[in-house]
Each structure stands twice: as C-alpha cells, then as structure tokens.
Amino acid sequence: MFEVRMLRRLSASSAVALLLLSASGCVKEISSDERLDRETQNLAVKDAPGVSELQKLTCDDTTDALGKARNVNREETERLVDYIELYSSLRKRTAMFEEAMNRNPDLSYREGSQQIVNAKDNCVQQTADVRVEFETYVREIIEVPTVQEIKGGNTVTIARLDFNTLRQAIETLEPDDKEALLNRVTSAEKKVSATPASEESGGSGGRKGRK
C-alpha cells in the first residue's frame, strides 16, 4: 500500500514538472528593456520627427558665399570671415541631417526619402570641399602672417590681417595641429612692429586677398 502511494506522488510530481517545462518552452519572459526597445522601434516606424524640416534643408545655396570668400580683390580679414561663416553653416546643416537619421534610421528607407538622402550627401560633400579650401587658405596665411610696409620713410612689419579673426578660423577648423597653429599666430603677433593698434591688428580689414 505504501509503495502504491509513493508511485502516485511521484507520478503527480512528474506531471507538474512536465507541465512547467512545456509552459516554459512556449512562453518567454520579456524583460523591461526588451519591451522598451520594441515600443521605441514601433514609435520610430510610425513617427518620423523632423521630416518636414529635413525636406526644406539644403546646401545648394553656397555659390554666392563661396564666391565672396574666393574674391582676391577683397580684404583678407573679410574673406576669412566669409569662410568661417560658410563652413560653420554647412557643418551645422550636415549635423542636423546626421542627427535626425541616427535618431531615426527609418528616415533613409521611407517612401520618397531619396530627396532627403541626396540632400544629406550633398551637404556632406559641400562641407568637405569647403573645409579643404578654407583650411588651405588659413595655412597659406599662417605661412606668411606679416608683411613689410614703408611708413614715414621706415620699413615696418605689420599684420597681414586681423590676428583674432585668424585665431577664430583655426578654432572653427579644429585641425589636429590646432595648438601649433595658434602658437605660430602668437609668435607672428610678437614680431609686429610697434605701430598704432589699428594697423597692428589689421583693423582696417587687412591687405587685399591673395589666393
């Protein structure tokens, strides 16, 4: 009798274990992180924030600004300011595209998204091209940051352009050798002859451009 009861208990326990094992094989516990990821993905698919803004964003309007920056008949300080503003603007627009697409990758695959993708690629290319031209000009200036002029019958050394604007250009570009370039500007500033402040700093706008 005792053996029969033990067999019944074992059979009942085995049945429960088998039932739990079957249930665990069919139902998988979803963690809170997984649930949040799924909800976020579903939201990204349904909603694409910034689409209308991105459709209006373009880098096709740089011709005039680039033409002004390249104009060798303008003062070099003014040309440098134009390069700074143009490059900063292009970099900002490119960052807007990249941030939106990183936040919502679905933007690249939506119907009609090719316009946005093309506009983004154009901004990336324009930013890269302007950077090369801008940096080439800055480095050319740093190679010859001062000029000799005759003042009152004497030869004096003056700044080729406003050194603070040149520093701003270097900070904007952020090249790997930024500190070295800034140090060269400081060294050039120390070599400038003792002349009125407006002439030392290129306060009148600097010399005519050379490119």
N, C-alpha and C. Protein backbone atom coordinates (compact mmCIF):
# COMPACT_ATOMS: atom_id res chain seq x y z
N MET A 1 0.84 -1.22 0.00
CA MET A 1 0.00 0.00 0.00
C MET A 1 0.86 1.25 0.00
N PHE A 2 1.93 1.23 0.83
CA PHE A 2 2.84 2.36 0.91
C PHE A 2 3.52 2.62 -0.44
N GLU A 3 3.91 1.55 -1.12
CA GLU A 3 4.59 1.68 -2.41
C GLU A 3 3.66 2.28 -3.45
N VAL A 4 2.37 1.93 -3.41
CA VAL A 4 1.40 2.47 -4.36
C VAL A 4 1.24 3.96 -4.18
N ARG A 5 1.19 4.40 -2.90
CA ARG A 5 1.05 5.85 -2.63
C ARG A 5 2.27 6.62 -3.13
N MET A 6 3.45 6.06 -2.93
CA MET A 6 4.68 6.72 -3.38
C MET A 6 4.69 6.87 -4.89
N LEU A 7 4.23 5.82 -5.59
CA LEU A 7 4.21 5.89 -7.05
C LEU A 7 3.24 6.96 -7.53
N ARG A 8 2.09 7.09 -6.84
CA ARG A 8 1.11 8.11 -7.22
C ARG A 8 1.68 9.52 -7.03
N ARG A 9 2.42 9.71 -5.89
CA ARG A 9 3.01 11.02 -5.62
C ARG A 9 4.08 11.37 -6.66
N LEU A 10 4.87 10.36 -6.99
CA LEU A 10 5.91 10.59 -7.99
C LEU A 10 5.30 10.92 -9.35
N SER A 11 4.22 10.24 -9.69
CA SER A 11 3.57 10.48 -10.98
C SER A 11 2.99 11.89 -11.02
N ALA A 12 2.39 12.32 -9.92
CA ALA A 12 1.82 13.67 -9.86
C ALA A 12 2.91 14.72 -9.97
N SER A 13 4.04 14.50 -9.28
CA SER A 13 5.16 15.46 -9.33
C SER A 13 5.74 15.53 -10.73
N SER A 14 5.86 14.38 -11.37
CA SER A 14 6.41 14.35 -12.73
C SER A 14 5.51 15.08 -13.70
N ALA A 15 4.19 14.93 -13.49
CA ALA A 15 3.24 15.60 -14.38
C ALA A 15 3.35 17.11 -14.24
N VAL A 16 3.47 17.59 -12.99
CA VAL A 16 3.62 19.04 -12.76
C VAL A 16 4.90 19.56 -13.39
N ALA A 17 5.98 18.80 -13.19
CA ALA A 17 7.27 19.22 -13.77
C ALA A 17 7.20 19.27 -15.28
N LEU A 18 6.55 18.26 -15.86
CA LEU A 18 6.41 18.22 -17.32
C LEU A 18 5.58 19.38 -17.82
N LEU A 19 4.53 19.73 -17.07
CA LEU A 19 3.67 20.85 -17.45
C LEU A 19 4.42 22.17 -17.40
N LEU A 20 5.21 22.37 -16.33
CA LEU A 20 6.01 23.59 -16.21
C LEU A 20 7.05 23.68 -17.30
N LEU A 21 7.65 22.54 -17.62
CA LEU A 21 8.67 22.53 -18.68
C LEU A 21 8.07 22.89 -20.02
N SER A 22 6.88 22.37 -20.30
CA SER A 22 6.20 22.67 -21.56
C SER A 22 5.83 24.14 -21.63
N ALA A 23 5.36 24.68 -20.50
CA ALA A 23 4.95 26.08 -20.47
C ALA A 23 6.14 27.00 -20.69
N SER A 24 7.28 26.63 -20.07
CA SER A 24 8.47 27.47 -20.23
C SER A 24 8.97 27.44 -21.65
N GLY A 25 8.70 26.35 -22.36
CA GLY A 25 9.12 26.28 -23.75
C GLY A 25 8.26 27.08 -24.67
N CYS A 26 7.04 27.38 -24.26
CA CYS A 26 6.11 28.11 -25.12
C CYS A 26 6.05 29.59 -24.82
N VAL A 27 6.26 29.97 -23.56
CA VAL A 27 6.14 31.38 -23.16
C VAL A 27 7.50 31.90 -22.69
N LYS A 28 7.96 32.98 -23.30
CA LYS A 28 9.25 33.56 -22.94
C LYS A 28 9.03 34.88 -22.21
N GLU A 29 9.68 35.01 -21.07
CA GLU A 29 9.54 36.23 -20.29
C GLU A 29 10.23 37.39 -21.03
N ILE A 30 9.54 38.52 -21.19
CA ILE A 30 10.10 39.69 -21.88
C ILE A 30 10.57 40.69 -20.83
N SER A 31 11.84 41.04 -20.87
CA SER A 31 12.38 41.99 -19.90
C SER A 31 11.86 43.39 -20.19
N SER A 32 11.99 44.26 -19.19
CA SER A 32 11.54 45.64 -19.35
C SER A 32 12.33 46.36 -20.43
N ASP A 33 13.63 46.04 -20.55
CA ASP A 33 14.48 46.67 -21.57
C ASP A 33 14.04 46.26 -22.97
N GLU A 34 13.73 44.95 -23.12
CA GLU A 34 13.28 44.47 -24.43
C GLU A 34 11.95 45.09 -24.81
N ARG A 35 11.07 45.22 -23.83
CA ARG A 35 9.76 45.81 -24.09
C ARG A 35 9.90 47.28 -24.51
N LEU A 36 10.84 48.00 -23.83
CA LEU A 36 11.08 49.40 -24.16
C LEU A 36 11.65 49.54 -25.56
N ASP A 37 12.57 48.62 -25.93
CA ASP A 37 13.16 48.66 -27.27
C ASP A 37 12.10 48.45 -28.35
N ARG A 38 11.19 47.50 -28.10
CA ARG A 38 10.14 47.22 -29.07
C ARG A 38 9.22 48.43 -29.23
N GLU A 39 8.86 49.05 -28.11
CA GLU A 39 7.96 50.20 -28.17
C GLU A 39 8.64 51.37 -28.88
N THR A 40 9.94 51.55 -28.64
CA THR A 40 10.68 52.63 -29.29
C THR A 40 10.76 52.42 -30.79
N GLN A 41 11.02 51.15 -31.20
CA GLN A 41 11.10 50.84 -32.62
C GLN A 41 9.76 51.07 -33.31
N ASN A 42 8.69 50.66 -32.64
CA ASN A 42 7.36 50.87 -33.21
C ASN A 42 7.05 52.34 -33.36
N LEU A 43 7.45 53.14 -32.37
CA LEU A 43 7.22 54.58 -32.43
C LEU A 43 8.00 55.20 -33.57
N ALA A 44 9.28 54.73 -33.76
CA ALA A 44 10.12 55.28 -34.82
C ALA A 44 9.52 55.00 -36.19
N VAL A 45 8.91 53.83 -36.34
CA VAL A 45 8.32 53.47 -37.62
C VAL A 45 7.09 54.32 -37.90
N LYS A 46 6.29 54.56 -36.85
CA LYS A 46 5.05 55.31 -37.02
C LYS A 46 5.30 56.81 -37.17
N ASP A 47 6.31 57.29 -36.46
CA ASP A 47 6.53 58.74 -36.43
C ASP A 47 7.96 59.05 -36.84
N ALA A 48 8.15 60.01 -37.73
CA ALA A 48 9.48 60.41 -38.18
C ALA A 48 9.67 61.89 -37.89
N PRO A 49 10.10 62.26 -36.69
CA PRO A 49 10.23 63.67 -36.33
C PRO A 49 11.25 64.39 -37.21
N GLY A 50 10.90 65.56 -37.66
CA GLY A 50 11.83 66.37 -38.43
C GLY A 50 11.81 66.13 -39.92
N VAL A 51 10.91 65.29 -40.42
CA VAL A 51 10.88 65.00 -41.85
C VAL A 51 10.61 66.26 -42.66
N SER A 52 9.60 67.02 -42.25
CA SER A 52 9.24 68.23 -43.00
C SER A 52 10.38 69.24 -42.99
N GLU A 53 11.09 69.33 -41.84
CA GLU A 53 12.23 70.26 -41.75
C GLU A 53 13.37 69.81 -42.65
N LEU A 54 13.63 68.49 -42.66
CA LEU A 54 14.72 67.97 -43.48
C LEU A 54 14.45 68.15 -44.97
N GLN A 55 13.19 68.08 -45.37
CA GLN A 55 12.85 68.24 -46.78
C GLN A 55 13.14 69.67 -47.26
N LYS A 56 13.17 70.62 -46.32
CA LYS A 56 13.44 72.01 -46.67
C LYS A 56 14.93 72.34 -46.57
N LEU A 57 15.69 71.45 -45.92
CA LEU A 57 17.10 71.71 -45.68
C LEU A 57 17.92 71.40 -46.93
N THR A 58 18.81 72.31 -47.29
CA THR A 58 19.62 72.12 -48.50
C THR A 58 20.96 72.82 -48.36
N CYS A 59 21.94 72.36 -49.12
CA CYS A 59 23.25 73.00 -49.16
C CYS A 59 23.56 73.47 -50.58
N ASP A 60 22.51 73.72 -51.36
CA ASP A 60 22.67 74.16 -52.74
C ASP A 60 22.82 75.68 -52.88
N ASP A 61 22.80 76.40 -51.75
CA ASP A 61 22.79 77.86 -51.79
C ASP A 61 24.13 78.47 -51.39
N THR A 62 25.22 77.78 -51.70
CA THR A 62 26.54 78.25 -51.23
C THR A 62 27.33 79.00 -52.29
N THR A 63 26.82 79.09 -53.49
CA THR A 63 27.60 79.68 -54.59
C THR A 63 28.01 81.12 -54.32
N ASP A 64 27.08 81.96 -53.91
CA ASP A 64 27.38 83.38 -53.67
C ASP A 64 28.36 83.56 -52.52
N ALA A 65 28.13 82.84 -51.43
CA ALA A 65 29.00 82.97 -50.26
C ALA A 65 30.42 82.50 -50.58
N LEU A 66 30.52 81.41 -51.33
CA LEU A 66 31.83 80.90 -51.70
C LEU A 66 32.53 81.84 -52.67
N GLY A 67 31.75 82.46 -53.55
CA GLY A 67 32.33 83.43 -54.48
C GLY A 67 32.92 84.62 -53.76
N LYS A 68 32.24 85.10 -52.72
CA LYS A 68 32.75 86.22 -51.93
C LYS A 68 34.04 85.83 -51.21
N ALA A 69 34.06 84.62 -50.64
CA ALA A 69 35.25 84.18 -49.91
C ALA A 69 36.45 84.01 -50.83
N ARG A 70 36.19 83.68 -52.08
CA ARG A 70 37.29 83.46 -53.03
C ARG A 70 37.79 84.75 -53.69
N ASN A 71 37.06 85.81 -53.54
CA ASN A 71 37.38 87.06 -54.24
C ASN A 71 38.69 87.67 -53.75
N VAL A 72 39.73 87.59 -54.55
CA VAL A 72 41.05 88.08 -54.15
C VAL A 72 41.13 89.60 -54.09
N ASN A 73 40.12 90.29 -54.58
CA ASN A 73 40.12 91.75 -54.52
C ASN A 73 39.54 92.30 -53.23
N ARG A 74 39.07 91.41 -52.36
CA ARG A 74 38.51 91.84 -51.08
C ARG A 74 39.58 91.74 -49.99
N GLU A 75 39.35 92.44 -48.87
CA GLU A 75 40.28 92.36 -47.75
C GLU A 75 40.33 90.93 -47.21
N GLU A 76 41.51 90.51 -46.79
CA GLU A 76 41.68 89.14 -46.36
C GLU A 76 40.91 88.82 -45.07
N THR A 77 40.80 89.78 -44.19
CA THR A 77 40.02 89.55 -42.96
C THR A 77 38.57 89.26 -43.32
N GLU A 78 38.02 90.01 -44.27
CA GLU A 78 36.63 89.80 -44.69
C GLU A 78 36.45 88.45 -45.36
N ARG A 79 37.41 88.08 -46.16
CA ARG A 79 37.35 86.76 -46.82
C ARG A 79 37.37 85.64 -45.79
N LEU A 80 38.21 85.79 -44.79
CA LEU A 80 38.31 84.77 -43.76
C LEU A 80 37.00 84.66 -42.98
N VAL A 81 36.37 85.78 -42.69
CA VAL A 81 35.08 85.78 -42.00
C VAL A 81 34.04 85.03 -42.84
N ASP A 82 34.07 85.25 -44.16
CA ASP A 82 33.11 84.57 -45.04
C ASP A 82 33.33 83.06 -45.03
N TYR A 83 34.60 82.64 -45.03
CA TYR A 83 34.89 81.20 -44.96
C TYR A 83 34.41 80.61 -43.64
N ILE A 84 34.63 81.34 -42.55
CA ILE A 84 34.21 80.87 -41.23
C ILE A 84 32.70 80.68 -41.19
N GLU A 85 31.97 81.68 -41.67
CA GLU A 85 30.50 81.62 -41.63
C GLU A 85 29.95 80.53 -42.54
N LEU A 86 30.52 80.41 -43.74
CA LEU A 86 30.04 79.40 -44.69
C LEU A 86 30.32 77.99 -44.18
N TYR A 87 31.53 77.75 -43.72
CA TYR A 87 31.88 76.41 -43.24
C TYR A 87 31.05 76.04 -42.01
N SER A 88 30.87 76.98 -41.11
CA SER A 88 30.08 76.73 -39.89
C SER A 88 28.64 76.40 -40.26
N SER A 89 28.09 77.11 -41.22
CA SER A 89 26.72 76.86 -41.66
C SER A 89 26.56 75.49 -42.29
N LEU A 90 27.49 75.12 -43.15
CA LEU A 90 27.44 73.80 -43.80
C LEU A 90 27.59 72.68 -42.78
N ARG A 91 28.49 72.86 -41.85
CA ARG A 91 28.71 71.84 -40.84
C ARG A 91 27.47 71.66 -39.95
N LYS A 92 26.80 72.77 -39.65
CA LYS A 92 25.58 72.71 -38.84
C LYS A 92 24.47 71.96 -39.58
N ARG A 93 24.32 72.26 -40.88
CA ARG A 93 23.27 71.59 -41.66
C ARG A 93 23.55 70.10 -41.81
N THR A 94 24.81 69.75 -42.03
CA THR A 94 25.18 68.35 -42.13
C THR A 94 24.90 67.62 -40.82
N ALA A 95 25.22 68.27 -39.70
CA ALA A 95 24.98 67.66 -38.39
C ALA A 95 23.49 67.44 -38.15
N MET A 96 22.65 68.34 -38.64
CA MET A 96 21.21 68.19 -38.49
C MET A 96 20.72 66.94 -39.22
N PHE A 97 21.21 66.73 -40.44
CA PHE A 97 20.84 65.54 -41.20
C PHE A 97 21.28 64.27 -40.46
N GLU A 98 22.54 64.25 -40.05
CA GLU A 98 23.10 63.06 -39.43
C GLU A 98 22.42 62.74 -38.10
N GLU A 99 22.13 63.77 -37.32
CA GLU A 99 21.47 63.55 -36.03
C GLU A 99 20.07 62.98 -36.23
N ALA A 100 19.32 63.54 -37.18
CA ALA A 100 17.96 63.06 -37.44
C ALA A 100 17.96 61.62 -37.92
N MET A 101 18.90 61.27 -38.79
CA MET A 101 18.94 59.91 -39.34
C MET A 101 19.49 58.90 -38.34
N ASN A 102 20.37 59.34 -37.46
CA ASN A 102 20.86 58.44 -36.42
C ASN A 102 19.76 58.17 -35.39
N ARG A 103 18.97 59.21 -35.13
CA ARG A 103 17.88 59.07 -34.17
C ARG A 103 16.76 58.21 -34.73
N ASN A 104 16.58 58.29 -36.03
CA ASN A 104 15.50 57.54 -36.67
C ASN A 104 15.99 56.98 -38.00
N PRO A 105 16.66 55.83 -37.98
CA PRO A 105 17.20 55.23 -39.21
C PRO A 105 16.14 54.97 -40.27
N ASP A 106 14.89 54.86 -39.87
CA ASP A 106 13.81 54.58 -40.82
C ASP A 106 13.66 55.70 -41.85
N LEU A 107 14.20 56.88 -41.54
CA LEU A 107 14.11 58.01 -42.47
C LEU A 107 14.76 57.69 -43.81
N SER A 108 15.81 56.88 -43.78
CA SER A 108 16.55 56.57 -45.00
C SER A 108 15.81 55.59 -45.91
N TYR A 109 14.78 54.92 -45.37
CA TYR A 109 14.12 53.87 -46.14
C TYR A 109 12.64 54.14 -46.41
N ARG A 110 12.15 55.28 -45.96
CA ARG A 110 10.76 55.63 -46.22
C ARG A 110 10.53 55.91 -47.70
N GLU A 111 9.32 55.77 -48.12
CA GLU A 111 8.98 56.10 -49.49
C GLU A 111 9.17 57.61 -49.70
N GLY A 112 9.88 57.98 -50.74
CA GLY A 112 10.13 59.39 -51.01
C GLY A 112 11.29 59.97 -50.23
N SER A 113 12.04 59.10 -49.54
CA SER A 113 13.14 59.60 -48.71
C SER A 113 14.41 59.89 -49.52
N GLN A 114 14.43 59.52 -50.79
CA GLN A 114 15.64 59.71 -51.60
C GLN A 114 16.04 61.18 -51.66
N GLN A 115 15.05 62.07 -51.64
CA GLN A 115 15.35 63.50 -51.67
C GLN A 115 16.16 63.91 -50.44
N ILE A 116 15.76 63.39 -49.29
CA ILE A 116 16.47 63.70 -48.05
C ILE A 116 17.87 63.11 -48.07
N VAL A 117 17.98 61.86 -48.52
CA VAL A 117 19.29 61.20 -48.58
C VAL A 117 20.23 61.95 -49.51
N ASN A 118 19.72 62.36 -50.67
CA ASN A 118 20.55 63.11 -51.63
C ASN A 118 20.98 64.45 -51.07
N ALA A 119 20.05 65.13 -50.38
CA ALA A 119 20.37 66.43 -49.79
C ALA A 119 21.44 66.29 -48.71
N LYS A 120 21.32 65.23 -47.92
CA LYS A 120 22.32 64.98 -46.88
C LYS A 120 23.69 64.70 -47.50
N ASP A 121 23.74 63.84 -48.51
CA ASP A 121 25.01 63.53 -49.18
C ASP A 121 25.64 64.78 -49.79
N ASN A 122 24.80 65.64 -50.35
CA ASN A 122 25.30 66.89 -50.93
C ASN A 122 25.92 67.78 -49.86
N CYS A 123 25.26 67.85 -48.69
CA CYS A 123 25.79 68.67 -47.59
C CYS A 123 27.13 68.12 -47.10
N VAL A 124 27.21 66.81 -47.00
CA VAL A 124 28.47 66.18 -46.56
C VAL A 124 29.59 66.53 -47.53
N GLN A 125 29.31 66.44 -48.84
CA GLN A 125 30.32 66.72 -49.84
C GLN A 125 30.71 68.19 -49.86
N GLN A 126 29.70 69.06 -49.78
CA GLN A 126 29.95 70.50 -49.78
C GLN A 126 30.79 70.90 -48.57
N THR A 127 30.46 70.34 -47.41
CA THR A 127 31.21 70.65 -46.19
C THR A 127 32.66 70.22 -46.33
N ALA A 128 32.89 69.04 -46.88
CA ALA A 128 34.25 68.54 -47.06
C ALA A 128 35.03 69.41 -48.05
N ASP A 129 34.39 69.79 -49.15
CA ASP A 129 35.06 70.60 -50.17
C ASP A 129 35.43 71.98 -49.64
N VAL A 130 34.49 72.61 -48.95
CA VAL A 130 34.74 73.95 -48.41
C VAL A 130 35.81 73.89 -47.33
N ARG A 131 35.80 72.83 -46.54
CA ARG A 131 36.82 72.70 -45.50
C ARG A 131 38.23 72.66 -46.10
N VAL A 132 38.39 71.89 -47.17
CA VAL A 132 39.71 71.79 -47.81
C VAL A 132 40.16 73.17 -48.29
N GLU A 133 39.26 73.88 -48.95
CA GLU A 133 39.58 75.20 -49.48
C GLU A 133 39.86 76.20 -48.36
N PHE A 134 39.01 76.17 -47.33
CA PHE A 134 39.14 77.06 -46.17
C PHE A 134 40.46 76.81 -45.45
N GLU A 135 40.77 75.54 -45.18
CA GLU A 135 41.99 75.22 -44.46
C GLU A 135 43.23 75.56 -45.28
N THR A 136 43.17 75.35 -46.58
CA THR A 136 44.30 75.71 -47.43
C THR A 136 44.60 77.20 -47.34
N TYR A 137 43.55 78.01 -47.35
CA TYR A 137 43.71 79.46 -47.25
C TYR A 137 44.29 79.86 -45.90
N VAL A 138 43.79 79.26 -44.83
CA VAL A 138 44.28 79.58 -43.49
C VAL A 138 45.76 79.24 -43.37
N ARG A 139 46.15 78.09 -43.85
CA ARG A 139 47.55 77.68 -43.74
C ARG A 139 48.46 78.55 -44.61
N GLU A 140 47.93 78.99 -45.73
CA GLU A 140 48.72 79.89 -46.59
C GLU A 140 48.97 81.22 -45.88
N ILE A 141 47.98 81.70 -45.14
CA ILE A 141 48.13 82.94 -44.38
C ILE A 141 49.14 82.76 -43.25
N ILE A 142 49.04 81.61 -42.55
CA ILE A 142 49.94 81.37 -41.42
C ILE A 142 51.39 81.26 -41.87
N GLU A 143 51.61 80.80 -43.10
CA GLU A 143 52.97 80.74 -43.62
C GLU A 143 53.56 82.14 -43.77
N VAL A 144 52.71 83.11 -44.12
CA VAL A 144 53.17 84.50 -44.29
C VAL A 144 52.16 85.40 -43.56
N PRO A 145 52.21 85.46 -42.22
CA PRO A 145 51.21 86.21 -41.46
C PRO A 145 51.46 87.71 -41.37
N THR A 146 52.67 88.13 -41.74
CA THR A 146 53.00 89.56 -41.67
C THR A 146 53.57 90.04 -43.00
N VAL A 147 53.57 91.36 -43.19
CA VAL A 147 54.12 91.96 -44.41
C VAL A 147 54.94 93.18 -44.02
N GLN A 148 55.81 93.58 -44.94
CA GLN A 148 56.64 94.77 -44.74
C GLN A 148 56.03 95.95 -45.48
N GLU A 149 55.95 97.08 -44.82
CA GLU A 149 55.44 98.29 -45.46
C GLU A 149 56.31 99.49 -45.07
N ILE A 150 56.29 100.50 -45.94
CA ILE A 150 57.03 101.73 -45.69
C ILE A 150 56.10 102.72 -44.99
N LYS A 151 56.50 103.15 -43.80
CA LYS A 151 55.70 104.12 -43.05
C LYS A 151 56.64 105.21 -42.53
N GLY A 152 56.41 106.43 -42.98
CA GLY A 152 57.25 107.54 -42.54
C GLY A 152 58.70 107.38 -42.94
N GLY A 153 58.90 106.74 -44.07
CA GLY A 153 60.27 106.54 -44.55
C GLY A 153 60.95 105.33 -43.95
N ASN A 154 60.26 104.61 -43.05
CA ASN A 154 60.85 103.44 -42.42
C ASN A 154 60.10 102.17 -42.83
N THR A 155 60.82 101.06 -42.87
CA THR A 155 60.20 99.77 -43.17
C THR A 155 59.73 99.15 -41.86
N VAL A 156 58.45 98.84 -41.79
CA VAL A 156 57.89 98.26 -40.56
C VAL A 156 57.16 96.96 -40.89
N THR A 157 57.07 96.12 -39.88
CA THR A 157 56.35 94.86 -40.01
C THR A 157 54.94 95.02 -39.47
N ILE A 158 53.94 94.69 -40.28
CA ILE A 158 52.56 94.80 -39.84
C ILE A 158 51.83 93.48 -40.06
N ALA A 159 50.71 93.32 -39.39
CA ALA A 159 49.91 92.11 -39.54
C ALA A 159 49.28 92.08 -40.93
N ARG A 160 49.29 90.93 -41.52
CA ARG A 160 48.68 90.77 -42.85
C ARG A 160 47.16 90.92 -42.78
N LEU A 161 46.61 90.51 -41.64
CA LEU A 161 45.16 90.63 -41.42
C LEU A 161 44.92 90.59 -39.92
N ASP A 162 43.66 90.65 -39.51
CA ASP A 162 43.32 90.63 -38.10
C ASP A 162 43.67 89.26 -37.50
N PHE A 163 44.57 89.26 -36.53
CA PHE A 163 45.01 88.00 -35.93
C PHE A 163 43.89 87.30 -35.15
N ASN A 164 43.00 88.06 -34.54
CA ASN A 164 41.90 87.43 -33.80
C ASN A 164 40.97 86.66 -34.74
N THR A 165 40.76 87.21 -35.93
CA THR A 165 39.94 86.50 -36.92
C THR A 165 40.65 85.24 -37.38
N LEU A 166 41.97 85.32 -37.51
CA LEU A 166 42.75 84.14 -37.90
C LEU A 166 42.66 83.06 -36.82
N ARG A 167 42.71 83.48 -35.56
CA ARG A 167 42.54 82.51 -34.46
C ARG A 167 41.16 81.88 -34.51
N GLN A 168 40.15 82.69 -34.77
CA GLN A 168 38.79 82.16 -34.85
C GLN A 168 38.66 81.12 -35.97
N ALA A 169 39.34 81.39 -37.09
CA ALA A 169 39.31 80.45 -38.21
C ALA A 169 39.94 79.12 -37.81
N ILE A 170 41.04 79.17 -37.08
CA ILE A 170 41.71 77.95 -36.64
C ILE A 170 40.82 77.18 -35.66
N GLU A 171 40.19 77.89 -34.75
CA GLU A 171 39.29 77.25 -33.79
C GLU A 171 38.11 76.60 -34.51
N THR A 172 37.62 77.24 -35.55
CA THR A 172 36.48 76.71 -36.31
C THR A 172 36.86 75.44 -37.05
N LEU A 173 38.04 75.42 -37.63
CA LEU A 173 38.51 74.25 -38.38
C LEU A 173 38.87 73.08 -37.46
N GLU A 174 39.43 73.41 -36.29
CA GLU A 174 39.85 72.39 -35.33
C GLU A 174 40.75 71.32 -35.96
N PRO A 175 41.85 71.72 -36.60
CA PRO A 175 42.76 70.72 -37.19
C PRO A 175 43.54 70.00 -36.08
N ASP A 176 44.18 68.91 -36.42
CA ASP A 176 44.94 68.14 -35.43
C ASP A 176 46.07 68.97 -34.81
N ASP A 177 46.64 69.87 -35.59
CA ASP A 177 47.75 70.69 -35.09
C ASP A 177 47.27 72.08 -34.68
N LYS A 178 46.06 72.16 -34.16
CA LYS A 178 45.47 73.45 -33.81
C LYS A 178 46.36 74.27 -32.88
N GLU A 179 46.85 73.64 -31.81
CA GLU A 179 47.67 74.39 -30.85
C GLU A 179 48.94 74.92 -31.49
N ALA A 180 49.54 74.14 -32.36
CA ALA A 180 50.77 74.58 -33.03
C ALA A 180 50.48 75.79 -33.92
N LEU A 181 49.36 75.77 -34.62
CA LEU A 181 48.99 76.89 -35.48
C LEU A 181 48.70 78.14 -34.67
N LEU A 182 48.01 77.97 -33.55
CA LEU A 182 47.71 79.11 -32.69
C LEU A 182 49.01 79.71 -32.13
N ASN A 183 49.96 78.87 -31.82
CA ASN A 183 51.25 79.35 -31.31
C ASN A 183 52.00 80.14 -32.37
N ARG A 184 51.86 79.73 -33.63
CA ARG A 184 52.50 80.47 -34.72
C ARG A 184 51.87 81.84 -34.89
N VAL A 185 50.58 81.93 -34.69
CA VAL A 185 49.92 83.23 -34.77
C VAL A 185 50.42 84.14 -33.65
N THR A 186 50.56 83.58 -32.45
CA THR A 186 51.06 84.35 -31.32
C THR A 186 52.48 84.83 -31.57
N SER A 187 53.31 83.97 -32.15
CA SER A 187 54.69 84.35 -32.46
C SER A 187 54.73 85.47 -33.49
N ALA A 188 53.86 85.37 -34.49
CA ALA A 188 53.80 86.42 -35.51
C ALA A 188 53.34 87.74 -34.90
N GLU A 189 52.43 87.67 -33.97
CA GLU A 189 51.92 88.87 -33.32
C GLU A 189 53.02 89.60 -32.56
N LYS A 190 53.93 88.83 -31.97
CA LYS A 190 55.03 89.42 -31.21
C LYS A 190 56.04 90.11 -32.11
N LYS A 191 56.08 89.69 -33.38
CA LYS A 191 57.06 90.25 -34.32
C LYS A 191 56.57 91.55 -34.97
N VAL A 192 55.29 91.80 -34.81
CA VAL A 192 54.74 93.00 -35.44
C VAL A 192 55.39 94.24 -34.82
N SER A 193 55.80 95.14 -35.65
CA SER A 193 56.46 96.36 -35.19
C SER A 193 55.52 97.20 -34.35
N ALA A 194 56.08 98.05 -33.52
CA ALA A 194 55.29 98.92 -32.66
C ALA A 194 54.67 100.02 -33.49
N THR A 195 53.45 99.77 -33.96
CA THR A 195 52.70 100.75 -34.73
C THR A 195 51.34 100.93 -34.08
N PRO A 196 50.54 101.92 -34.48
CA PRO A 196 49.21 102.11 -33.89
C PRO A 196 48.41 100.81 -33.90
N ALA A 197 47.61 100.61 -32.86
CA ALA A 197 46.87 99.37 -32.67
C ALA A 197 46.04 98.98 -33.89
N SER A 198 45.41 99.97 -34.52
CA SER A 198 44.54 99.67 -35.67
C SER A 198 45.32 99.09 -36.82
N GLU A 199 46.60 99.48 -36.94
CA GLU A 199 47.43 98.95 -38.02
C GLU A 199 48.01 97.60 -37.65
N GLU A 200 48.37 97.40 -36.34
CA GLU A 200 48.95 96.14 -35.91
C GLU A 200 47.98 94.98 -36.09
N SER A 201 46.68 95.23 -35.77
CA SER A 201 45.70 94.16 -35.79
C SER A 201 45.02 94.01 -37.12
N GLY A 202 45.39 94.84 -38.09
CA GLY A 202 44.70 94.79 -39.38
C GLY A 202 43.31 95.35 -39.23
N GLY A 203 43.13 96.36 -38.33
CA GLY A 203 41.83 96.90 -38.02
C GLY A 203 41.09 97.45 -39.22
N SER A 204 41.80 97.82 -40.28
CA SER A 204 41.13 98.35 -41.46
C SER A 204 40.64 97.25 -42.37
N GLY A 205 40.86 95.98 -41.92
CA GLY A 205 40.38 94.85 -42.73
C GLY A 205 41.50 94.01 -43.29
N GLY A 206 42.75 94.45 -43.11
CA GLY A 206 43.88 93.68 -43.62
C GLY A 206 44.16 94.01 -45.07
N ARG A 207 45.14 93.31 -45.62
CA ARG A 207 45.53 93.54 -47.01
C ARG A 207 44.58 92.85 -47.95
N LYS A 208 44.68 93.22 -49.20
CA LYS A 208 43.88 92.56 -50.23
C LYS A 208 44.25 91.09 -50.31
N GLY A 209 43.27 90.29 -50.62
CA GLY A 209 43.47 88.84 -50.58
C GLY A 209 44.45 88.34 -51.63
N ARG A 210 45.06 87.22 -51.28
CA ARG A 210 45.92 86.51 -52.22
C ARG A 210 45.51 85.06 -52.14
N LYS A 211 45.28 84.43 -53.27
CA LYS A 211 44.82 83.05 -53.26
C LYS A 211 45.43 82.30 -54.42
